[in-house]
Amino acid sequence: MSQSDSLHPLPAGGKPWNRWRVSDGHADLSRAGHRVRPLTIPAQPKAITLDLSRTAILVVDMQNDFCSAGGWLDHIGVDYRPARSPIDPLCTVLPVLRQAGVPVIWINWGNRPDLANISPSLLHVYNGSGQGVGLGDTVPETGAPVLEKDSWGAAIVEALTVAESDLRVDKYRMSGFWDTPLDSILRNLGVTTCLFAGVNADQCVLHTLADASFLGYDTIFLEDCCATTSPPFCWEATVYNARQIFGFTALASDFRRAREEMTS
């Protein structure tokens, strides 16, 4: 290769080290690698060490329809207040993660107005009689369509701050991986370990976590950043399976403490 045939990095949506270097006559497909940044935290069933350079946090469904007065769940008589318990822990840990260069990915229902990709089984959720308010219907108190993209109900709760550097993924199933670009985004970011937060722990969080595990990602369920409006046995089963077959559970407070000790 001549001196004039210098290589230039292609722009990429992922990490800087995950790029080809190219010129008119040459493409270098090798990667420069990355610096491992290990962090050890207490966890169950055992302590874990993860690589901050390969970690992302996935925040699932912290939306008005699930977590706010006047939202969908509130309208149909579900006590939405437990779904707000992750807010304070997330407000504390997300700035720490961002400062550490850990991507924050918001995974939220953002349905099409015509529901063209929504199956009958999903339309049945929380509207078993067919006479209530379900996906595609309007919540009378707010006039907002249930979980429709760009609606008030689909918006992230006001108490949580979304940074400009954060990523957003619209989902249309209980799992954030089906019919979405989430897997491609994580792979371009070089992510191997996923931290999980949000609601409902036993539904959309668990199904997204399970699919992540099936796809080969390491999964860590952050207990203090997750919640559910389901009965207590649903939470107990979720925590059990997160530890037993999918990976580990941990506390965001321990993550924050370990990170602070690492930088002090």
C-alpha atoms as a PDB file:
ATOM      1  CA  MET A   1       0.000   0.000   0.000  1.00  0.00           C
ATOM      2  CA  SER A   2       1.429   3.373  -0.993  1.00  0.00           C
ATOM      3  CA  GLN A   3       1.801   6.316   1.340  1.00  0.00           C
ATOM      4  CA  SER A   4      -0.918   8.162  -0.586  1.00  0.00           C
ATOM      5  CA  ASP A   5      -3.321   5.273  -0.055  1.00  0.00           C
ATOM      6  CA  SER A   6      -3.840   6.160   3.623  1.00  0.00           C
ATOM      7  CA  LEU A   7      -6.638   4.555   5.575  1.00  0.00           C
ATOM      8  CA  HIS A   8      -9.455   6.470   7.200  1.00  0.00           C
ATOM      9  CA  PRO A   9     -11.882   5.176   9.845  1.00  0.00           C
ATOM     10  CA  LEU A  10     -15.460   4.806   8.689  1.00  0.00           C
ATOM     11  CA  PRO A  11     -18.042   6.554  10.849  1.00  0.00           C
ATOM     12  CA  ALA A  12     -19.979   4.133  13.018  1.00  0.00           C
ATOM     13  CA  GLY A  13     -22.874   4.143  15.407  1.00  0.00           C
ATOM     14  CA  GLY A  14     -21.015   1.848  17.770  1.00  0.00           C
ATOM     15  CA  LYS A  15     -17.815   2.103  19.748  1.00  0.00           C
ATOM     16  CA  PRO A  16     -14.853   3.868  18.089  1.00  0.00           C
ATOM     17  CA  TRP A  17     -12.781   0.683  18.158  1.00  0.00           C
ATOM     18  CA  ASN A  18     -15.467  -1.210  16.205  1.00  0.00           C
ATOM     19  CA  ARG A  19     -14.671   0.392  12.858  1.00  0.00           C
ATOM     20  CA  TRP A  20     -13.071  -0.532   9.572  1.00  0.00           C
ATOM     21  CA  ARG A  21     -10.317   1.704   8.194  1.00  0.00           C
ATOM     22  CA  VAL A  22     -10.619   2.241   4.463  1.00  0.00           C
ATOM     23  CA  SER A  23      -9.225   4.002   1.413  1.00  0.00           C
ATOM     24  CA  ASP A  24     -10.089   3.822  -2.276  1.00  0.00           C
ATOM     25  CA  GLY A  25      -7.914   0.764  -2.693  1.00  0.00           C
ATOM     26  CA  HIS A  26      -7.820  -0.937   0.691  1.00  0.00           C
ATOM     27  CA  ALA A  27     -10.125  -1.983   3.548  1.00  0.00           C
ATOM     28  CA  ASP A  28      -8.622  -2.954   6.904  1.00  0.00           C
ATOM     29  CA  LEU A  29     -11.169  -5.181   8.659  1.00  0.00           C
ATOM     30  CA  SER A  30      -9.078  -5.689  11.787  1.00  0.00           C
ATOM     31  CA  ARG A  31     -10.259  -4.039  14.994  1.00  0.00           C
ATOM     32  CA  ALA A  32      -7.922  -2.129  17.256  1.00  0.00           C
ATOM     33  CA  GLY A  33      -9.396  -3.813  20.301  1.00  0.00           C
ATOM     34  CA  HIS A  34     -10.479  -2.104  23.484  1.00  0.00           C
ATOM     35  CA  ARG A  35      -9.235  -1.476  26.986  1.00  0.00           C
ATOM     36  CA  VAL A  36     -10.830  -3.818  29.509  1.00  0.00           C
ATOM     37  CA  ARG A  37     -12.252  -1.888  32.466  1.00  0.00           C
ATOM     38  CA  PRO A  38     -13.166  -4.497  35.089  1.00  0.00           C
ATOM     39  CA  LEU A  39     -15.572  -3.744  37.915  1.00  0.00           C
ATOM     40  CA  THR A  40     -16.400  -6.248  40.659  1.00  0.00           C
ATOM     41  CA  ILE A  41     -19.739  -5.995  42.465  1.00  0.00           C
ATOM     42  CA  PRO A  42     -21.664  -8.114  44.977  1.00  0.00           C
ATOM     43  CA  ALA A  43     -24.370 -10.190  43.303  1.00  0.00           C
ATOM     44  CA  GLN A  44     -26.460 -13.310  43.711  1.00  0.00           C
ATOM     45  CA  PRO A  45     -25.757 -16.196  43.605  1.00  0.00           C
ATOM     46  CA  LYS A  46     -22.107 -15.028  43.583  1.00  0.00           C
ATOM     47  CA  ALA A  47     -20.018 -11.889  43.145  1.00  0.00           C
ATOM     48  CA  ILE A  48     -19.324 -10.887  39.550  1.00  0.00           C
ATOM     49  CA  THR A  49     -16.723  -8.931  37.600  1.00  0.00           C
ATOM     50  CA  LEU A  50     -17.931  -7.190  34.466  1.00  0.00           C
ATOM     51  CA  ASP A  51     -16.209  -5.097  31.814  1.00  0.00           C
ATOM     52  CA  LEU A  52     -17.552  -1.543  31.784  1.00  0.00           C
ATOM     53  CA  SER A  53     -16.389  -1.227  28.179  1.00  0.00           C
ATOM     54  CA  ARG A  54     -18.756  -4.051  27.188  1.00  0.00           C
ATOM     55  CA  THR A  55     -21.753  -3.207  29.391  1.00  0.00           C
ATOM     56  CA  ALA A  56     -25.060  -1.419  28.710  1.00  0.00           C
ATOM     57  CA  ILE A  57     -28.158  -0.799  30.817  1.00  0.00           C
ATOM     58  CA  LEU A  58     -31.561  -1.545  29.288  1.00  0.00           C
ATOM     59  CA  VAL A  59     -34.390   0.416  30.927  1.00  0.00           C
ATOM     60  CA  VAL A  60     -37.733  -1.136  30.032  1.00  0.00           C
ATOM     61  CA  ASP A  61     -41.194   0.490  29.957  1.00  0.00           C
ATOM     62  CA  MET A  62     -40.770   3.300  32.484  1.00  0.00           C
ATOM     63  CA  GLN A  63     -43.689   5.003  30.721  1.00  0.00           C
ATOM     64  CA  ASN A  64     -46.696   7.023  31.802  1.00  0.00           C
ATOM     65  CA  ASP A  65     -49.200   4.339  30.842  1.00  0.00           C
ATOM     66  CA  PHE A  66     -47.556   1.993  33.353  1.00  0.00           C
ATOM     67  CA  CYS A  67     -46.158   4.341  35.987  1.00  0.00           C
ATOM     68  CA  SER A  68     -48.259   7.498  36.210  1.00  0.00           C
ATOM     69  CA  ALA A  69     -51.613   8.692  37.495  1.00  0.00           C
ATOM     70  CA  GLY A  70     -54.040   8.886  34.601  1.00  0.00           C
ATOM     71  CA  GLY A  71     -52.119   6.259  32.623  1.00  0.00           C
ATOM     72  CA  TRP A  72     -53.523   3.066  31.153  1.00  0.00           C
ATOM     73  CA  LEU A  73     -52.964   0.846  34.189  1.00  0.00           C
ATOM     74  CA  ASP A  74     -54.350   3.467  36.523  1.00  0.00           C
ATOM     75  CA  HIS A  75     -57.485   3.740  34.374  1.00  0.00           C
ATOM     76  CA  ILE A  76     -58.182   0.003  34.393  1.00  0.00           C
ATOM     77  CA  GLY A  77     -57.822  -0.179  38.165  1.00  0.00           C
ATOM     78  CA  VAL A  78     -54.248  -1.465  38.586  1.00  0.00           C
ATOM     79  CA  ASP A  79     -52.275   0.164  41.405  1.00  0.00           C
ATOM     80  CA  TYR A  80     -49.515   1.808  39.374  1.00  0.00           C
ATOM     81  CA  ARG A  81     -47.581   3.089  42.407  1.00  0.00           C
ATOM     82  CA  PRO A  82     -45.256   0.048  42.784  1.00  0.00           C
ATOM     83  CA  ALA A  83     -44.089   0.673  39.204  1.00  0.00           C
ATOM     84  CA  ARG A  84     -42.621   4.001  40.326  1.00  0.00           C
ATOM     85  CA  SER A  85     -40.221   2.461  42.845  1.00  0.00           C
ATOM     86  CA  PRO A  86     -37.347   2.173  40.299  1.00  0.00           C
ATOM     87  CA  ILE A  87     -37.392   5.931  39.671  1.00  0.00           C
ATOM     88  CA  ASP A  88     -35.198   7.082  42.570  1.00  0.00           C
ATOM     89  CA  PRO A  89     -32.583   4.302  42.166  1.00  0.00           C
ATOM     90  CA  LEU A  90     -32.412   5.003  38.428  1.00  0.00           C
ATOM     91  CA  CYS A  91     -32.031   8.744  39.008  1.00  0.00           C
ATOM     92  CA  THR A  92     -29.038   7.926  41.203  1.00  0.00           C
ATOM     93  CA  VAL A  93     -27.303   5.259  39.117  1.00  0.00           C
ATOM     94  CA  LEU A  94     -27.861   6.443  35.520  1.00  0.00           C
ATOM     95  CA  PRO A  95     -25.531   9.468  35.832  1.00  0.00           C
ATOM     96  CA  VAL A  96     -22.859   7.165  37.262  1.00  0.00           C
ATOM     97  CA  LEU A  97     -23.259   4.761  34.341  1.00  0.00           C
ATOM     98  CA  ARG A  98     -23.144   7.540  31.767  1.00  0.00           C
ATOM     99  CA  GLN A  99     -19.998   8.965  33.349  1.00  0.00           C
ATOM    100  CA  ALA A 100     -18.455   5.495  33.101  1.00  0.00           C
ATOM    101  CA  GLY A 101     -19.266   5.366  29.386  1.00  0.00           C
ATOM    102  CA  VAL A 102     -21.962   2.708  29.811  1.00  0.00           C
ATOM    103  CA  PRO A 103     -24.705   3.160  27.175  1.00  0.00           C
ATOM    104  CA  VAL A 104     -28.216   3.804  28.492  1.00  0.00           C
ATOM    105  CA  ILE A 105     -30.880   2.285  26.240  1.00  0.00           C
ATOM    106  CA  TRP A 106     -34.572   3.066  26.799  1.00  0.00           C
ATOM    107  CA  ILE A 107     -36.799   0.266  25.500  1.00  0.00           C
ATOM    108  CA  ASN A 108     -40.431   1.362  25.372  1.00  0.00           C
ATOM    109  CA  TRP A 109     -43.725   0.435  23.787  1.00  0.00           C
ATOM    110  CA  GLY A 110     -44.189   2.749  20.802  1.00  0.00           C
ATOM    111  CA  ASN A 111     -47.008   1.255  18.758  1.00  0.00           C
ATOM    112  CA  ARG A 112     -48.025   2.297  15.266  1.00  0.00           C
ATOM    113  CA  PRO A 113     -51.305   4.240  15.203  1.00  0.00           C
ATOM    114  CA  ASP A 114     -52.785   1.598  12.870  1.00  0.00           C
ATOM    115  CA  LEU A 115     -51.540  -1.343  15.029  1.00  0.00           C
ATOM    116  CA  ALA A 116     -50.633  -3.096  11.770  1.00  0.00           C
ATOM    117  CA  ASN A 117     -47.946  -5.223  13.444  1.00  0.00           C
ATOM    118  CA  ILE A 118     -49.899  -6.020  16.626  1.00  0.00           C
ATOM    119  CA  SER A 119     -51.387  -9.516  16.954  1.00  0.00           C
ATOM    120  CA  PRO A 120     -54.797 -10.420  18.453  1.00  0.00           C
ATOM    121  CA  SER A 121     -53.089 -11.956  21.480  1.00  0.00           C
ATOM    122  CA  LEU A 122     -51.492  -8.580  22.289  1.00  0.00           C
ATOM    123  CA  LEU A 123     -54.789  -6.759  21.791  1.00  0.00           C
ATOM    124  CA  HIS A 124     -56.261  -9.136  24.377  1.00  0.00           C
ATOM    125  CA  VAL A 125     -53.758  -8.058  27.077  1.00  0.00           C
ATOM    126  CA  TYR A 126     -55.496  -6.174  29.919  1.00  0.00           C
ATOM    127  CA  ASN A 127     -58.690  -6.173  27.825  1.00  0.00           C
ATOM    128  CA  GLY A 128     -59.952  -9.716  28.157  1.00  0.00           C
ATOM    129  CA  SER A 129     -63.608  -8.782  27.691  1.00  0.00           C
ATOM    130  CA  GLY A 130     -62.969  -6.750  24.556  1.00  0.00           C
ATOM    131  CA  GLN A 131     -65.104  -4.012  26.093  1.00  0.00           C
ATOM    132  CA  GLY A 132     -62.391  -2.235  28.049  1.00  0.00           C
ATOM    133  CA  VAL A 133     -59.485   0.019  27.137  1.00  0.00           C
ATOM    134  CA  GLY A 134     -56.628  -1.801  25.430  1.00  0.00           C
ATOM    135  CA  LEU A 135     -53.878  -1.165  22.890  1.00  0.00           C
ATOM    136  CA  GLY A 136     -55.118   1.297  20.279  1.00  0.00           C
ATOM    137  CA  ASP A 137     -57.879   2.637  22.494  1.00  0.00           C
ATOM    138  CA  THR A 138     -57.908   6.020  24.203  1.00  0.00           C
ATOM    139  CA  VAL A 139     -57.630   6.563  27.946  1.00  0.00           C
ATOM    140  CA  PRO A 140     -60.638   8.781  28.746  1.00  0.00           C
ATOM    141  CA  GLU A 141     -58.909  10.789  31.495  1.00  0.00           C
ATOM    142  CA  THR A 142     -56.043  11.961  29.278  1.00  0.00           C
ATOM    143  CA  GLY A 143     -57.354  11.501  25.748  1.00  0.00           C
ATOM    144  CA  ALA A 144     -54.082   9.738  24.931  1.00  0.00           C
ATOM    145  CA  PRO A 145     -53.996   6.522  22.881  1.00  0.00           C
ATOM    146  CA  VAL A 146     -52.573   3.586  24.838  1.00  0.00           C
ATOM    147  CA  LEU A 147     -48.812   3.205  24.292  1.00  0.00           C
ATOM    148  CA  GLU A 148     -48.892   4.819  20.860  1.00  0.00           C
ATOM    149  CA  LYS A 149     -45.540   6.208  19.699  1.00  0.00           C
ATOM    150  CA  ASP A 150     -45.121   9.903  20.574  1.00  0.00           C
ATOM    151  CA  SER A 151     -48.216   9.909  22.796  1.00  0.00           C
ATOM    152  CA  TRP A 152     -48.267  10.999  26.451  1.00  0.00           C
ATOM    153  CA  GLY A 153     -48.915   7.412  27.550  1.00  0.00           C
ATOM    154  CA  ALA A 154     -45.830   6.103  25.734  1.00  0.00           C
ATOM    155  CA  ALA A 155     -43.573   8.881  27.043  1.00  0.00           C
ATOM    156  CA  ILE A 156     -40.946   8.149  29.690  1.00  0.00           C
ATOM    157  CA  VAL A 157     -42.065   9.361  33.108  1.00  0.00           C
ATOM    158  CA  GLU A 158     -41.135  12.966  33.715  1.00  0.00           C
ATOM    159  CA  ALA A 159     -39.107  12.156  36.825  1.00  0.00           C
ATOM    160  CA  LEU A 160     -36.504  10.319  34.720  1.00  0.00           C
ATOM    161  CA  THR A 161     -34.016  12.329  32.669  1.00  0.00           C
ATOM    162  CA  VAL A 162     -33.083  11.111  29.199  1.00  0.00           C
ATOM    163  CA  ALA A 163     -29.632  12.316  28.172  1.00  0.00           C
ATOM    164  CA  GLU A 164     -28.749  13.300  24.623  1.00  0.00           C
ATOM    165  CA  SER A 165     -26.286  10.407  24.487  1.00  0.00           C
ATOM    166  CA  ASP A 166     -28.917   7.816  25.427  1.00  0.00           C
ATOM    167  CA  LEU A 167     -30.461   5.531  22.834  1.00  0.00           C
ATOM    168  CA  ARG A 168     -34.157   4.731  22.359  1.00  0.00           C
ATOM    169  CA  VAL A 169     -35.722   1.573  20.946  1.00  0.00           C
ATOM    170  CA  ASP A 170     -39.456   1.219  20.242  1.00  0.00           C
ATOM    171  CA  LYS A 171     -40.840  -2.221  20.940  1.00  0.00           C
ATOM    172  CA  TYR A 172     -44.091  -3.953  20.020  1.00  0.00           C
ATOM    173  CA  ARG A 173     -43.938  -7.141  22.080  1.00  0.00           C
ATOM    174  CA  MET A 174     -43.214  -8.126  25.664  1.00  0.00           C
ATOM    175  CA  SER A 175     -39.609  -8.651  24.534  1.00  0.00           C
ATOM    176  CA  GLY A 176     -37.523  -5.710  23.392  1.00  0.00           C
ATOM    177  CA  PHE A 177     -35.710  -7.898  20.852  1.00  0.00           C
ATOM    178  CA  TRP A 178     -38.598  -9.013  18.618  1.00  0.00           C
ATOM    179  CA  ASP A 179     -39.108  -6.837  15.518  1.00  0.00           C
ATOM    180  CA  THR A 180     -36.665  -4.176  16.788  1.00  0.00           C
ATOM    181  CA  PRO A 181     -33.036  -3.134  16.079  1.00  0.00           C
ATOM    182  CA  LEU A 182     -31.962  -3.769  19.693  1.00  0.00           C
ATOM    183  CA  ASP A 183     -29.699  -6.744  18.962  1.00  0.00           C
ATOM    184  CA  SER A 184     -27.949  -4.904  16.120  1.00  0.00           C
ATOM    185  CA  ILE A 185     -27.427  -1.836  18.317  1.00  0.00           C
ATOM    186  CA  LEU A 186     -25.912  -3.873  21.143  1.00  0.00           C
ATOM    187  CA  ARG A 187     -23.575  -5.735  18.793  1.00  0.00           C
ATOM    188  CA  ASN A 188     -22.400  -2.508  17.143  1.00  0.00           C
ATOM    189  CA  LEU A 189     -21.720  -1.113  20.607  1.00  0.00           C
ATOM    190  CA  GLY A 190     -19.651  -4.205  21.410  1.00  0.00           C
ATOM    191  CA  VAL A 191     -21.895  -5.017  24.374  1.00  0.00           C
ATOM    192  CA  THR A 192     -21.650  -8.448  25.993  1.00  0.00           C
ATOM    193  CA  THR A 193     -23.215  -7.680  29.396  1.00  0.00           C
ATOM    194  CA  CYS A 194     -26.695  -6.203  29.846  1.00  0.00           C
ATOM    195  CA  LEU A 195     -28.006  -4.657  33.048  1.00  0.00           C
ATOM    196  CA  PHE A 196     -31.807  -4.723  33.276  1.00  0.00           C
ATOM    197  CA  ALA A 197     -34.157  -2.190  34.864  1.00  0.00           C
ATOM    198  CA  GLY A 198     -37.795  -1.196  34.561  1.00  0.00           C
ATOM    199  CA  VAL A 199     -41.292  -2.688  34.676  1.00  0.00           C
ATOM    200  CA  ASN A 200     -42.994  -5.043  34.809  1.00  0.00           C
ATOM    201  CA  ALA A 201     -40.195  -7.212  36.162  1.00  0.00           C
ATOM    202  CA  ASP A 202     -42.036 -10.481  35.471  1.00  0.00           C
ATOM    203  CA  GLN A 203     -43.290  -9.464  32.050  1.00  0.00           C
ATOM    204  CA  CYS A 204     -41.445  -7.154  29.660  1.00  0.00           C
ATOM    205  CA  VAL A 205     -38.237  -6.968  31.703  1.00  0.00           C
ATOM    206  CA  LEU A 206     -38.026 -10.738  32.138  1.00  0.00           C
ATOM    207  CA  HIS A 207     -38.870 -11.547  28.524  1.00  0.00           C
ATOM    208  CA  THR A 208     -36.304  -9.065  27.238  1.00  0.00           C
ATOM    209  CA  LEU A 209     -33.748 -10.480  29.681  1.00  0.00           C
ATOM    210  CA  ALA A 210     -34.525 -14.055  28.630  1.00  0.00           C
ATOM    211  CA  ASP A 211     -34.114 -13.230  24.946  1.00  0.00           C
ATOM    212  CA  ALA A 212     -30.829 -11.481  25.716  1.00  0.00           C
ATOM    213  CA  SER A 213     -29.639 -14.638  27.442  1.00  0.00           C
ATOM    214  CA  PHE A 214     -30.757 -16.815  24.529  1.00  0.00           C
ATOM    215  CA  LEU A 215     -28.837 -14.525  22.155  1.00  0.00           C
ATOM    216  CA  GLY A 216     -25.650 -14.975  24.176  1.00  0.00           C
ATOM    217  CA  TYR A 217     -25.527 -11.816  26.274  1.00  0.00           C
ATOM    218  CA  ASP A 218     -24.604 -11.883  29.967  1.00  0.00           C
ATOM    219  CA  THR A 219     -27.634 -10.709  31.960  1.00  0.00           C
ATOM    220  CA  ILE A 220     -27.805  -8.917  35.324  1.00  0.00           C
ATOM    221  CA  PHE A 221     -31.188  -8.094  36.853  1.00  0.00           C
ATOM    222  CA  LEU A 222     -30.950  -4.930  38.980  1.00  0.00           C
ATOM    223  CA  GLU A 223     -33.387  -5.655  41.797  1.00  0.00           C
ATOM    224  CA  ASP A 224     -33.656  -2.102  43.130  1.00  0.00           C
ATOM    225  CA  CYS A 225     -34.241  -0.719  39.620  1.00  0.00           C
ATOM    226  CA  CYS A 226     -37.029  -3.157  38.735  1.00  0.00           C
ATOM    227  CA  ALA A 227     -40.607  -3.478  39.963  1.00  0.00           C
ATOM    228  CA  THR A 228     -43.947  -5.052  39.124  1.00  0.00           C
ATOM    229  CA  THR A 229     -47.638  -4.446  39.663  1.00  0.00           C
ATOM    230  CA  SER A 230     -48.176  -8.222  39.612  1.00  0.00           C
ATOM    231  CA  PRO A 231     -48.691 -10.338  42.770  1.00  0.00           C
ATOM    232  CA  PRO A 232     -45.616 -10.973  44.984  1.00  0.00           C
ATOM    233  CA  PHE A 233     -45.146 -14.559  43.785  1.00  0.00           C
ATOM    234  CA  CYS A 234     -44.450 -13.202  40.264  1.00  0.00           C
ATOM    235  CA  TRP A 235     -41.557 -11.129  41.614  1.00  0.00           C
ATOM    236  CA  GLU A 236     -40.218 -14.082  43.599  1.00  0.00           C
ATOM    237  CA  ALA A 237     -40.271 -16.348  40.549  1.00  0.00           C
ATOM    238  CA  THR A 238     -38.581 -13.694  38.413  1.00  0.00           C
ATOM    239  CA  VAL A 239     -35.740 -13.177  40.868  1.00  0.00           C
ATOM    240  CA  TYR A 240     -35.340 -16.948  41.283  1.00  0.00           C
ATOM    241  CA  ASN A 241     -35.068 -17.540  37.536  1.00  0.00           C
ATOM    242  CA  ALA A 242     -32.820 -14.521  36.967  1.00  0.00           C
ATOM    243  CA  ARG A 243     -30.340 -16.127  39.371  1.00  0.00           C
ATOM    244  CA  GLN A 244     -30.943 -19.781  38.570  1.00  0.00           C
ATOM    245  CA  ILE A 245     -31.004 -19.983  34.773  1.00  0.00           C
ATOM    246  CA  PHE A 246     -30.335 -16.568  33.223  1.00  0.00           C
ATOM    247  CA  GLY A 247     -27.446 -15.089  35.167  1.00  0.00           C
ATOM    248  CA  PHE A 248     -27.342 -12.879  38.228  1.00  0.00           C
ATOM    249  CA  THR A 249     -29.177 -10.312  40.295  1.00  0.00           C
ATOM    250  CA  ALA A 250     -27.491  -7.287  41.800  1.00  0.00           C
ATOM    251  CA  LEU A 251     -28.247  -3.895  43.310  1.00  0.00           C
ATOM    252  CA  ALA A 252     -27.616  -0.645  41.489  1.00  0.00           C
ATOM    253  CA  SER A 253     -26.587   0.844  44.829  1.00  0.00           C
ATOM    254  CA  ASP A 254     -23.729  -1.678  45.042  1.00  0.00           C
ATOM    255  CA  PHE A 255     -22.769  -0.913  41.441  1.00  0.00           C
ATOM    256  CA  ARG A 256     -22.659   2.792  42.236  1.00  0.00           C
ATOM    257  CA  ARG A 257     -20.608   2.203  45.383  1.00  0.00           C
ATOM    258  CA  ALA A 258     -18.099  -0.014  43.555  1.00  0.00           C
ATOM    259  CA  ARG A 259     -17.750   2.535  40.781  1.00  0.00           C
ATOM    260  CA  GLU A 260     -17.161   5.351  43.274  1.00  0.00           C
ATOM    261  CA  GLU A 261     -14.488   3.283  45.048  1.00  0.00           C
ATOM    262  CA  MET A 262     -12.891   2.547  41.681  1.00  0.00           C
ATOM    263  CA  THR A 263     -12.547   6.253  40.851  1.00  0.00           C
ATOM    264  CA  SER A 264     -11.594   7.526  44.326  1.00  0.00           C
END
